[in-house]
Amino acid sequence: MLTLGIVNTYDKIKIHEAHYRSIARAAPIAYAYGFNLMLFDYPFKMNAEDLVTFVKDKTTIGGSGKYLAQLFSAGRFFAFDLPEKGFQPQFGSPVVTTSHPDKKKEIHIPALVEQIIRKKSFLFLIGLGHKGLGPDLFQIAQYHLDITSKGVSLETCTAIGAVPAVISGGMEGMKNKNQICH
């Protein structure tokens, strides 16, 4: 299981356009690449089902919430407070996405893809807001991933698209390589 986890570091009290637009943008990406979508610390005081309706009413992005509704119906959309001591294990090993990975925790795309093919689950954390992910998440996360492999910092919505696309491309490449070798 692969999960795209968006961590709100923007504003935890007031709802801004950036909040629901990020959800609307992430949903079709998660849907297209077979990822779950999980939100952390968003300022909405509603359950996931009500949040789907709210986003559908607020924007035309992502097919006016079509893909978010499909993720929810399939049990693949979640909204939680950010856990203090660790993430729910059923969503896999937490991976911080960053342009400055700790070398001791850094995982490269080929090694990550190898583990995914072996059915290991991962929760990819992406920060929403100019502050990025907090230092506590860097400590909690088992792995750090620079999706560009070049230390290039990506804006939130760019990262939301790049992480699943690069991983899916790596998986396809690995499958094709294995087919050629056999």
Foldseek 3Di string as FASTA:
>chain_A
DEAEEEEEPADLADDDPLVLVLVLLLQVLCQVLVHFYEYERHNDPDFLVVSLVVSLVPDPRNVSSPSSVVSVVVVRYGYYYDDDQADDPVQFAEEEEALDADPVAEDELLRVLVVVVVVGHYYYYWYAHPVIDDPSSSVRGNHYYHLVVNSDDDHRSVCSNSPSVSNSVSNVVVVVVVVVVD
